Amino acid sequence: TMALLVGHHLFAVWHGDRRLEAEHGDAFRAVKERTSVWPFLAILDGRQTLPPDYYKELVRAPYVLIAAGTLAAYKAHPYMQAGAALVRNTGLVPGGVLDGLLGE
């Protein structure tokens, strides 16, 4: 399954490049020469450069919120697992709201 997914994406990249080249010609070829499908390869090759203040893009409220929430969930995992261990699986409680739905 993974090989099919990788193959699908490789075909999509190839087909997208072919379609854009047919549509835009030399303008697309100029963009393609200074970019890369592989992350950060164009920067490592020297075809592109990061601006001096590139870090400002990452220090924005949504990114900080997601990073803080992820770290908090990671740190809270032992407490969540301990809380889950204390939960007693009782199944259907007689006299509860599901009695009418389940016919008991």
PDB file of N, CA and C in Angstrom:
ATOM      1  N   THR A   1       0.837  -1.184   0.000  1.00  0.00           N
ATOM      2  CA  THR A   1       0.000   0.000   0.000  1.00  0.00           C
ATOM      3  C   THR A   1       0.883   1.249   0.000  1.00  0.00           C
ATOM      4  N   MET A   2       1.953   1.228   0.800  1.00  0.00           N
ATOM      5  CA  MET A   2       2.821   2.388   0.855  1.00  0.00           C
ATOM      6  C   MET A   2       3.494   2.635  -0.501  1.00  0.00           C
ATOM      7  N   ALA A   3       3.898   1.573  -1.172  1.00  0.00           N
ATOM      8  CA  ALA A   3       4.536   1.728  -2.479  1.00  0.00           C
ATOM      9  C   ALA A   3       3.566   2.345  -3.480  1.00  0.00           C
ATOM     10  N   LEU A   4       2.303   1.961  -3.403  1.00  0.00           N
ATOM     11  CA  LEU A   4       1.307   2.557  -4.296  1.00  0.00           C
ATOM     12  C   LEU A   4       1.110   4.036  -3.995  1.00  0.00           C
ATOM     13  N   LEU A   5       1.115   4.405  -2.732  1.00  0.00           N
ATOM     14  CA  LEU A   5       0.958   5.802  -2.358  1.00  0.00           C
ATOM     15  C   LEU A   5       2.150   6.630  -2.842  1.00  0.00           C
ATOM     16  N   VAL A   6       3.354   6.103  -2.663  1.00  0.00           N
ATOM     17  CA  VAL A   6       4.549   6.801  -3.142  1.00  0.00           C
ATOM     18  C   VAL A   6       4.498   6.922  -4.663  1.00  0.00           C
ATOM     19  N   GLY A   7       4.123   5.847  -5.340  1.00  0.00           N
ATOM     20  CA  GLY A   7       4.008   5.876  -6.794  1.00  0.00           C
ATOM     21  C   GLY A   7       2.979   6.882  -7.269  1.00  0.00           C
ATOM     22  N   HIS A   8       1.857   6.949  -6.567  1.00  0.00           N
ATOM     23  CA  HIS A   8       0.806   7.905  -6.912  1.00  0.00           C
ATOM     24  C   HIS A   8       1.332   9.341  -6.810  1.00  0.00           C
ATOM     25  N   HIS A   9       2.057   9.641  -5.736  1.00  0.00           N
ATOM     26  CA  HIS A   9       2.572  10.989  -5.565  1.00  0.00           C
ATOM     27  C   HIS A   9       3.672  11.316  -6.577  1.00  0.00           C
ATOM     28  N   LEU A  10       4.519  10.351  -6.893  1.00  0.00           N
ATOM     29  CA  LEU A  10       5.537  10.586  -7.918  1.00  0.00           C
ATOM     30  C   LEU A  10       4.884  10.872  -9.267  1.00  0.00           C
ATOM     31  N   PHE A  11       3.843  10.116  -9.593  1.00  0.00           N
ATOM     32  CA  PHE A  11       3.117  10.371 -10.835  1.00  0.00           C
ATOM     33  C   PHE A  11       2.470  11.752 -10.811  1.00  0.00           C
ATOM     34  N   ALA A  12       1.898  12.142  -9.670  1.00  0.00           N
ATOM     35  CA  ALA A  12       1.237  13.444  -9.562  1.00  0.00           C
ATOM     36  C   ALA A  12       2.239  14.580  -9.766  1.00  0.00           C
ATOM     37  N   VAL A  13       3.432  14.448  -9.200  1.00  0.00           N
ATOM     38  CA  VAL A  13       4.463  15.475  -9.381  1.00  0.00           C
ATOM     39  C   VAL A  13       4.869  15.546 -10.848  1.00  0.00           C
ATOM     40  N   TRP A  14       5.119  14.401 -11.439  1.00  0.00           N
ATOM     41  CA  TRP A  14       5.511  14.374 -12.855  1.00  0.00           C
ATOM     42  C   TRP A  14       4.418  14.968 -13.736  1.00  0.00           C
ATOM     43  N   HIS A  15       3.184  14.547 -13.507  1.00  0.00           N
ATOM     44  CA  HIS A  15       2.076  15.027 -14.331  1.00  0.00           C
ATOM     45  C   HIS A  15       1.842  16.526 -14.129  1.00  0.00           C
ATOM     46  N   GLY A  16       1.939  16.990 -12.885  1.00  0.00           N
ATOM     47  CA  GLY A  16       1.763  18.420 -12.613  1.00  0.00           C
ATOM     48  C   GLY A  16       2.827  19.250 -13.300  1.00  0.00           C
ATOM     49  N   ASP A  17       4.077  18.790 -13.245  1.00  0.00           N
ATOM     50  CA  ASP A  17       5.154  19.504 -13.932  1.00  0.00           C
ATOM     51  C   ASP A  17       4.926  19.527 -15.436  1.00  0.00           C
ATOM     52  N   ARG A  18       4.517  18.408 -15.993  1.00  0.00           N
ATOM     53  CA  ARG A  18       4.277  18.325 -17.437  1.00  0.00           C
ATOM     54  C   ARG A  18       3.158  19.270 -17.859  1.00  0.00           C
ATOM     55  N   ARG A  19       2.084  19.290 -17.063  1.00  0.00           N
ATOM     56  CA  ARG A  19       0.937  20.146 -17.373  1.00  0.00           C
ATOM     57  C   ARG A  19       1.301  21.629 -17.264  1.00  0.00           C
ATOM     58  N   LEU A  20       2.015  21.996 -16.187  1.00  0.00           N
ATOM     59  CA  LEU A  20       2.400  23.396 -16.010  1.00  0.00           C
ATOM     60  C   LEU A  20       3.401  23.843 -17.070  1.00  0.00           C
ATOM     61  N   GLU A  21       4.305  22.950 -17.466  1.00  0.00           N
ATOM     62  CA  GLU A  21       5.261  23.297 -18.517  1.00  0.00           C
ATOM     63  C   GLU A  21       4.548  23.520 -19.850  1.00  0.00           C
ATOM     64  N   ALA A  22       3.559  22.686 -20.144  1.00  0.00           N
ATOM     65  CA  ALA A  22       2.803  22.863 -21.380  1.00  0.00           C
ATOM     66  C   ALA A  22       1.992  24.166 -21.347  1.00  0.00           C
ATOM     67  N   GLU A  23       1.519  24.537 -20.173  1.00  0.00           N
ATOM     68  CA  GLU A  23       0.674  25.722 -20.050  1.00  0.00           C
ATOM     69  C   GLU A  23       1.478  27.016 -19.997  1.00  0.00           C
ATOM     70  N   HIS A  24       2.628  26.993 -19.302  1.00  0.00           N
ATOM     71  CA  HIS A  24       3.362  28.241 -19.071  1.00  0.00           C
ATOM     72  C   HIS A  24       4.725  28.297 -19.756  1.00  0.00           C
ATOM     73  N   GLY A  25       5.220  27.177 -20.247  1.00  0.00           N
ATOM     74  CA  GLY A  25       6.461  27.159 -21.023  1.00  0.00           C
ATOM     75  C   GLY A  25       7.688  27.626 -20.264  1.00  0.00           C
ATOM     76  N   ASP A  26       8.371  28.652 -20.821  1.00  0.00           N
ATOM     77  CA  ASP A  26       9.644  29.126 -20.257  1.00  0.00           C
ATOM     78  C   ASP A  26       9.489  29.695 -18.851  1.00  0.00           C
ATOM     79  N   ALA A  27       8.360  30.311 -18.548  1.00  0.00           N
ATOM     80  CA  ALA A  27       8.155  30.866 -17.199  1.00  0.00           C
ATOM     81  C   ALA A  27       8.159  29.743 -16.167  1.00  0.00           C
ATOM     82  N   PHE A  28       7.527  28.617 -16.483  1.00  0.00           N
ATOM     83  CA  PHE A  28       7.532  27.490 -15.550  1.00  0.00           C
ATOM     84  C   PHE A  28       8.923  26.887 -15.430  1.00  0.00           C
ATOM     85  N   ARG A  29       9.631  26.767 -16.559  1.00  0.00           N
ATOM     86  CA  ARG A  29      10.983  26.201 -16.516  1.00  0.00           C
ATOM     87  C   ARG A  29      11.901  27.069 -15.650  1.00  0.00           C
ATOM     88  N   ALA A  30      11.727  28.382 -15.675  1.00  0.00           N
ATOM     89  CA  ALA A  30      12.538  29.277 -14.841  1.00  0.00           C
ATOM     90  C   ALA A  30      12.244  29.041 -13.364  1.00  0.00           C
ATOM     91  N   VAL A  31      10.986  28.858 -13.023  1.00  0.00           N
ATOM     92  CA  VAL A  31      10.626  28.577 -11.624  1.00  0.00           C
ATOM     93  C   VAL A  31      11.156  27.207 -11.211  1.00  0.00           C
ATOM     94  N   LYS A  32      11.024  26.233 -12.089  1.00  0.00           N
ATOM     95  CA  LYS A  32      11.455  24.867 -11.783  1.00  0.00           C
ATOM     96  C   LYS A  32      12.965  24.793 -11.548  1.00  0.00           C
ATOM     97  N   GLU A  33      13.743  25.624 -12.261  1.00  0.00           N
ATOM     98  CA  GLU A  33      15.195  25.617 -12.102  1.00  0.00           C
ATOM     99  C   GLU A  33      15.630  26.122 -10.726  1.00  0.00           C
ATOM    100  N   ARG A  34      14.846  27.010 -10.113  1.00  0.00           N
ATOM    101  CA  ARG A  34      15.276  27.561  -8.822  1.00  0.00           C
ATOM    102  C   ARG A  34      14.544  26.952  -7.627  1.00  0.00           C
ATOM    103  N   THR A  35      13.701  25.940  -7.872  1.00  0.00           N
ATOM    104  CA  THR A  35      13.007  25.268  -6.778  1.00  0.00           C
ATOM    105  C   THR A  35      13.317  23.778  -6.807  1.00  0.00           C
ATOM    106  N   SER A  36      12.733  23.045  -5.844  1.00  0.00           N
ATOM    107  CA  SER A  36      12.964  21.601  -5.767  1.00  0.00           C
ATOM    108  C   SER A  36      11.740  20.922  -5.175  1.00  0.00           C
ATOM    109  N   VAL A  37      11.514  19.702  -5.581  1.00  0.00           N
ATOM    110  CA  VAL A  37      10.442  18.900  -5.000  1.00  0.00           C
ATOM    111  C   VAL A  37      10.849  18.450  -3.601  1.00  0.00           C
ATOM    112  N   TRP A  38      12.121  18.237  -3.385  1.00  0.00           N
ATOM    113  CA  TRP A  38      12.627  17.778  -2.092  1.00  0.00           C
ATOM    114  C   TRP A  38      12.751  18.959  -1.135  1.00  0.00           C
ATOM    115  N   PRO A  39      12.243  18.833   0.071  1.00  0.00           N
ATOM    116  CA  PRO A  39      12.298  19.946   1.025  1.00  0.00           C
ATOM    117  C   PRO A  39      13.730  20.415   1.297  1.00  0.00           C
ATOM    118  N   PHE A  40      13.930  21.706   1.209  1.00  0.00           N
ATOM    119  CA  PHE A  40      15.180  22.394   1.533  1.00  0.00           C
ATOM    120  C   PHE A  40      16.330  22.109   0.564  1.00  0.00           C
ATOM    121  N   LEU A  41      16.133  21.304  -0.467  1.00  0.00           N
ATOM    122  CA  LEU A  41      17.226  21.003  -1.394  1.00  0.00           C
ATOM    123  C   LEU A  41      17.660  22.247  -2.161  1.00  0.00           C
ATOM    124  N   ALA A  42      16.715  23.079  -2.588  1.00  0.00           N
ATOM    125  CA  ALA A  42      17.075  24.295  -3.324  1.00  0.00           C
ATOM    126  C   ALA A  42      17.879  25.246  -2.447  1.00  0.00           C
ATOM    127  N   ILE A  43      17.599  25.260  -1.151  1.00  0.00           N
ATOM    128  CA  ILE A  43      18.368  26.111  -0.233  1.00  0.00           C
ATOM    129  C   ILE A  43      19.769  25.544  -0.058  1.00  0.00           C
ATOM    130  N   LEU A  44      19.866  24.226   0.123  1.00  0.00           N
ATOM    131  CA  LEU A  44      21.180  23.595   0.298  1.00  0.00           C
ATOM    132  C   LEU A  44      22.035  23.706  -0.969  1.00  0.00           C
ATOM    133  N   ASP A  45      21.388  23.647  -2.135  1.00  0.00           N
ATOM    134  CA  ASP A  45      22.113  23.772  -3.404  1.00  0.00           C
ATOM    135  C   ASP A  45      22.502  25.208  -3.714  1.00  0.00           C
ATOM    136  N   GLY A  46      21.915  26.178  -3.000  1.00  0.00           N
ATOM    137  CA  GLY A  46      22.206  27.581  -3.258  1.00  0.00           C
ATOM    138  C   GLY A  46      21.315  28.211  -4.314  1.00  0.00           C
ATOM    139  N   ARG A  47      20.274  27.488  -4.759  1.00  0.00           N
ATOM    140  CA  ARG A  47      19.358  28.056  -5.745  1.00  0.00           C
ATOM    141  C   ARG A  47      18.398  29.054  -5.112  1.00  0.00           C
ATOM    142  N   GLN A  48      18.184  28.934  -3.810  1.00  0.00           N
ATOM    143  CA  GLN A  48      17.350  29.867  -3.062  1.00  0.00           C
ATOM    144  C   GLN A  48      18.042  30.201  -1.756  1.00  0.00           C
ATOM    145  N   THR A  49      17.688  31.351  -1.196  1.00  0.00           N
ATOM    146  CA  THR A  49      18.231  31.738   0.104  1.00  0.00           C
ATOM    147  C   THR A  49      17.085  32.124   1.027  1.00  0.00           C
ATOM    148  N   LEU A  50      17.287  31.865   2.299  1.00  0.00           N
ATOM    149  CA  LEU A  50      16.302  32.275   3.287  1.00  0.00           C
ATOM    150  C   LEU A  50      16.538  33.740   3.636  1.00  0.00           C
ATOM    151  N   PRO A  51      15.481  34.510   3.821  1.00  0.00           N
ATOM    152  CA  PRO A  51      15.680  35.894   4.243  1.00  0.00           C
ATOM    153  C   PRO A  51      16.233  35.922   5.668  1.00  0.00           C
ATOM    154  N   PRO A  52      16.904  37.010   6.055  1.00  0.00           N
ATOM    155  CA  PRO A  52      17.510  37.064   7.393  1.00  0.00           C
ATOM    156  C   PRO A  52      16.496  36.925   8.530  1.00  0.00           C
ATOM    157  N   ASP A  53      15.264  37.333   8.297  1.00  0.00           N
ATOM    158  CA  ASP A  53      14.256  37.281   9.359  1.00  0.00           C
ATOM    159  C   ASP A  53      13.259  36.130   9.149  1.00  0.00           C
ATOM    160  N   TYR A  54      13.730  35.007   8.590  1.00  0.00           N
ATOM    161  CA  TYR A  54      12.839  33.880   8.300  1.00  0.00           C
ATOM    162  C   TYR A  54      12.170  33.323   9.553  1.00  0.00           C
ATOM    163  N   TYR A  55      12.831  33.434  10.704  1.00  0.00           N
ATOM    164  CA  TYR A  55      12.290  32.891  11.954  1.00  0.00           C
ATOM    165  C   TYR A  55      10.999  33.593  12.372  1.00  0.00           C
ATOM    166  N   LYS A  56      10.777  34.812  11.900  1.00  0.00           N
ATOM    167  CA  LYS A  56       9.555  35.542  12.266  1.00  0.00           C
ATOM    168  C   LYS A  56       8.302  34.821  11.765  1.00  0.00           C
ATOM    169  N   GLU A  57       8.453  34.054  10.701  1.00  0.00           N
ATOM    170  CA  GLU A  57       7.313  33.300  10.176  1.00  0.00           C
ATOM    171  C   GLU A  57       6.861  32.226  11.158  1.00  0.00           C
ATOM    172  N   LEU A  58       7.810  31.676  11.923  1.00  0.00           N
ATOM    173  CA  LEU A  58       7.492  30.598  12.857  1.00  0.00           C
ATOM    174  C   LEU A  58       7.029  31.100  14.216  1.00  0.00           C
ATOM    175  N   VAL A  59       7.339  32.364  14.538  1.00  0.00           N
ATOM    176  CA  VAL A  59       6.974  32.906  15.839  1.00  0.00           C
ATOM    177  C   VAL A  59       5.678  33.696  15.694  1.00  0.00           C
ATOM    178  N   ARG A  60       4.632  33.004  15.337  1.00  0.00           N
ATOM    179  CA  ARG A  60       3.303  33.587  15.217  1.00  0.00           C
ATOM    180  C   ARG A  60       2.379  32.831  16.147  1.00  0.00           C
ATOM    181  N   ALA A  61       1.317  33.501  16.562  1.00  0.00           N
ATOM    182  CA  ALA A  61       0.428  32.934  17.576  1.00  0.00           C
ATOM    183  C   ALA A  61      -0.061  31.520  17.254  1.00  0.00           C
ATOM    184  N   PRO A  62      -0.549  31.232  16.043  1.00  0.00           N
ATOM    185  CA  PRO A  62      -1.030  29.861  15.792  1.00  0.00           C
ATOM    186  C   PRO A  62       0.057  28.805  15.952  1.00  0.00           C
ATOM    187  N   TYR A  63       1.264  29.093  15.456  1.00  0.00           N
ATOM    188  CA  TYR A  63       2.343  28.116  15.565  1.00  0.00           C
ATOM    189  C   TYR A  63       2.750  27.914  17.020  1.00  0.00           C
ATOM    190  N   VAL A  64       2.829  29.022  17.758  1.00  0.00           N
ATOM    191  CA  VAL A  64       3.204  28.934  19.169  1.00  0.00           C
ATOM    192  C   VAL A  64       2.134  28.165  19.946  1.00  0.00           C
ATOM    193  N   LEU A  65       0.868  28.421  19.643  1.00  0.00           N
ATOM    194  CA  LEU A  65      -0.227  27.727  20.325  1.00  0.00           C
ATOM    195  C   LEU A  65      -0.183  26.220  20.047  1.00  0.00           C
ATOM    196  N   ILE A  66       0.028  25.840  18.805  1.00  0.00           N
ATOM    197  CA  ILE A  66       0.105  24.415  18.464  1.00  0.00           C
ATOM    198  C   ILE A  66       1.305  23.766  19.151  1.00  0.00           C
ATOM    199  N   ALA A  67       2.448  24.431  19.128  1.00  0.00           N
ATOM    200  CA  ALA A  67       3.642  23.870  19.775  1.00  0.00           C
ATOM    201  C   ALA A  67       3.429  23.735  21.282  1.00  0.00           C
ATOM    202  N   ALA A  68       2.859  24.754  21.925  1.00  0.00           N
ATOM    203  CA  ALA A  68       2.612  24.689  23.368  1.00  0.00           C
ATOM    204  C   ALA A  68       1.599  23.600  23.708  1.00  0.00           C
ATOM    205  N   GLY A  69       0.545  23.478  22.914  1.00  0.00           N
ATOM    206  CA  GLY A  69      -0.452  22.435  23.158  1.00  0.00           C
ATOM    207  C   GLY A  69       0.120  21.039  22.987  1.00  0.00           C
ATOM    208  N   THR A  70       0.960  20.868  21.984  1.00  0.00           N
ATOM    209  CA  THR A  70       1.591  19.568  21.761  1.00  0.00           C
ATOM    210  C   THR A  70       2.512  19.202  22.917  1.00  0.00           C
ATOM    211  N   LEU A  71       3.317  20.157  23.355  1.00  0.00           N
ATOM    212  CA  LEU A  71       4.214  19.895  24.489  1.00  0.00           C
ATOM    213  C   LEU A  71       3.426  19.632  25.773  1.00  0.00           C
ATOM    214  N   ALA A  72       2.336  20.372  25.979  1.00  0.00           N
ATOM    215  CA  ALA A  72       1.516  20.158  27.176  1.00  0.00           C
ATOM    216  C   ALA A  72       0.884  18.770  27.162  1.00  0.00           C
ATOM    217  N   ALA A  73       0.377  18.348  26.003  1.00  0.00           N
ATOM    218  CA  ALA A  73      -0.210  17.009  25.903  1.00  0.00           C
ATOM    219  C   ALA A  73       0.850  15.938  26.130  1.00  0.00           C
ATOM    220  N   TYR A  74       2.053  16.163  25.620  1.00  0.00           N
ATOM    221  CA  TYR A  74       3.139  15.212  25.823  1.00  0.00           C
ATOM    222  C   TYR A  74       3.487  15.086  27.307  1.00  0.00           C
ATOM    223  N   LYS A  75       3.605  16.228  27.964  1.00  0.00           N
ATOM    224  CA  LYS A  75       3.938  16.221  29.395  1.00  0.00           C
ATOM    225  C   LYS A  75       2.799  15.649  30.245  1.00  0.00           C
ATOM    226  N   ALA A  76       1.556  15.846  29.804  1.00  0.00           N
ATOM    227  CA  ALA A  76       0.400  15.392  30.577  1.00  0.00           C
ATOM    228  C   ALA A  76       0.072  13.920  30.339  1.00  0.00           C
ATOM    229  N   HIS A  77       0.745  13.276  29.399  1.00  0.00           N
ATOM    230  CA  HIS A  77       0.423  11.889  29.070  1.00  0.00           C
ATOM    231  C   HIS A  77       0.431  10.942  30.272  1.00  0.00           C
ATOM    232  N   PRO A  78       1.422  10.990  31.142  1.00  0.00           N
ATOM    233  CA  PRO A  78       1.387  10.078  32.301  1.00  0.00           C
ATOM    234  C   PRO A  78       0.147  10.293  33.172  1.00  0.00           C
ATOM    235  N   TYR A  79      -0.257  11.543  33.320  1.00  0.00           N
ATOM    236  CA  TYR A  79      -1.440  11.832  34.130  1.00  0.00           C
ATOM    237  C   TYR A  79      -2.714  11.366  33.427  1.00  0.00           C
ATOM    238  N   MET A  80      -2.754  11.509  32.105  1.00  0.00           N
ATOM    239  CA  MET A  80      -3.918  11.027  31.354  1.00  0.00           C
ATOM    240  C   MET A  80      -4.012   9.501  31.441  1.00  0.00           C
ATOM    241  N   GLN A  81      -2.877   8.833  31.346  1.00  0.00           N
ATOM    242  CA  GLN A  81      -2.876   7.370  31.440  1.00  0.00           C
ATOM    243  C   GLN A  81      -3.275   6.918  32.838  1.00  0.00           C
ATOM    244  N   ALA A  82      -2.802   7.625  33.857  1.00  0.00           N
ATOM    245  CA  ALA A  82      -3.174   7.269  35.227  1.00  0.00           C
ATOM    246  C   ALA A  82      -4.661   7.483  35.444  1.00  0.00           C
ATOM    247  N   GLY A  83      -5.201   8.565  34.907  1.00  0.00           N
ATOM    248  CA  GLY A  83      -6.634   8.821  35.028  1.00  0.00           C
ATOM    249  C   GLY A  83      -7.453   7.774  34.301  1.00  0.00           C
ATOM    250  N   ALA A  84      -6.987   7.356  33.135  1.00  0.00           N
ATOM    251  CA  ALA A  84      -7.706   6.337  32.380  1.00  0.00           C
ATOM    252  C   ALA A  84      -7.689   4.999  33.115  1.00  0.00           C
ATOM    253  N   ALA A  85      -6.605   4.728  33.848  1.00  0.00           N
ATOM    254  CA  ALA A  85      -6.528   3.472  34.593  1.00  0.00           C
ATOM    255  C   ALA A  85      -7.523   3.461  35.754  1.00  0.00           C
ATOM    256  N   LEU A  86      -7.912   4.621  36.239  1.00  0.00           N
ATOM    257  CA  LEU A  86      -8.855   4.696  37.353  1.00  0.00           C
ATOM    258  C   LEU A  86     -10.310   4.558  36.921  1.00  0.00           C
ATOM    259  N   VAL A  87     -10.567   4.729  35.615  1.00  0.00           N
ATOM    260  CA  VAL A  87     -11.936   4.643  35.115  1.00  0.00           C
ATOM    261  C   VAL A  87     -12.393   3.192  35.164  1.00  0.00           C
ATOM    262  N   ARG A  88     -13.569   2.987  35.678  1.00  0.00           N
ATOM    263  CA  ARG A  88     -14.110   1.632  35.781  1.00  0.00           C
ATOM    264  C   ARG A  88     -15.091   1.418  34.646  1.00  0.00           C
ATOM    265  N   ASN A  89     -14.826   0.447  33.802  1.00  0.00           N
ATOM    266  CA  ASN A  89     -15.742   0.133  32.717  1.00  0.00           C
ATOM    267  C   ASN A  89     -16.910  -0.662  33.277  1.00  0.00           C
ATOM    268  N   THR A  90     -18.046  -0.005  33.410  1.00  0.00           N
ATOM    269  CA  THR A  90     -19.197  -0.680  33.993  1.00  0.00           C
ATOM    270  C   THR A  90     -20.223  -1.076  32.956  1.00  0.00           C
ATOM    271  N   GLY A  91     -20.042  -0.627  31.718  1.00  0.00           N
ATOM    272  CA  GLY A  91     -21.034  -0.934  30.709  1.00  0.00           C
ATOM    273  C   GLY A  91     -22.278  -0.092  30.922  1.00  0.00           C
ATOM    274  N   LEU A  92     -23.445  -0.662  30.667  1.00  0.00           N
ATOM    275  CA  LEU A  92     -24.704   0.063  30.791  1.00  0.00           C
ATOM    276  C   LEU A  92     -25.120   0.143  32.256  1.00  0.00           C
ATOM    277  N   VAL A  93     -25.378   1.337  32.699  1.00  0.00           N
ATOM    278  CA  VAL A  93     -25.828   1.539  34.077  1.00  0.00           C
ATOM    279  C   VAL A  93     -27.350   1.505  34.072  1.00  0.00           C
ATOM    280  N   PRO A  94     -27.981   0.592  34.832  1.00  0.00           N
ATOM    281  CA  PRO A  94     -29.445   0.516  34.849  1.00  0.00           C
ATOM    282  C   PRO A  94     -30.052   1.837  35.336  1.00  0.00           C
ATOM    283  N   GLY A  95     -31.131   2.230  34.642  1.00  0.00           N
ATOM    284  CA  GLY A  95     -31.801   3.473  34.999  1.00  0.00           C
ATOM    285  C   GLY A  95     -31.201   4.679  34.317  1.00  0.00           C
ATOM    286  N   GLY A  96     -30.235   4.479  33.440  1.00  0.00           N
ATOM    287  CA  GLY A  96     -29.596   5.598  32.747  1.00  0.00           C
ATOM    288  C   GLY A  96     -30.391   6.012  31.524  1.00  0.00           C
ATOM    289  N   VAL A  97     -29.885   7.010  30.824  1.00  0.00           N
ATOM    290  CA  VAL A  97     -30.586   7.564  29.673  1.00  0.00           C
ATOM    291  C   VAL A  97     -30.611   6.624  28.475  1.00  0.00           C
ATOM    292  N   LEU A  98     -29.759   5.614  28.437  1.00  0.00           N
ATOM    293  CA  LEU A  98     -29.717   4.702  27.299  1.00  0.00           C
ATOM    294  C   LEU A  98     -30.671   3.521  27.443  1.00  0.00           C
ATOM    295  N   ASP A  99     -31.337   3.402  28.570  1.00  0.00           N
ATOM    296  CA  ASP A  99     -32.252   2.274  28.752  1.00  0.00           C
ATOM    297  C   ASP A  99     -33.314   2.201  27.660  1.00  0.00           C
ATOM    298  N   GLY A 100     -33.917   3.323  27.333  1.00  0.00           N
ATOM    299  CA  GLY A 100     -34.966   3.344  26.314  1.00  0.00           C
ATOM    300  C   GLY A 100     -34.446   3.004  24.919  1.00  0.00           C
ATOM    301  N   LEU A 101     -33.231   3.376  24.647  1.00  0.00           N
ATOM    302  CA  LEU A 101     -32.665   3.126  23.315  1.00  0.00           C
ATOM    303  C   LEU A 101     -32.241   1.678  23.134  1.00  0.00           C
ATOM    304  N   LEU A 102     -31.739   1.067  24.190  1.00  0.00           N
ATOM    305  CA  LEU A 102     -31.217  -0.271  24.078  1.00  0.00           C
ATOM    306  C   LEU A 102     -32.227  -1.353  24.492  1.00  0.00           C
ATOM    307  N   GLY A 103     -33.413  -0.923  24.889  1.00  0.00           N
ATOM    308  CA  GLY A 103     -34.484  -1.873  25.192  1.00  0.00           C
ATOM    309  C   GLY A 103     -34.314  -2.646  26.478  1.00  0.00           C
ATOM    310  N   GLU A 104     -33.562  -2.122  27.403  1.00  0.00           N
ATOM    311  CA  GLU A 104     -33.372  -2.845  28.659  1.00  0.00           C
ATOM    312  C   GLU A 104     -34.168  -2.192  29.756  1.00  0.00           C
TER     313      GLU A 104
END
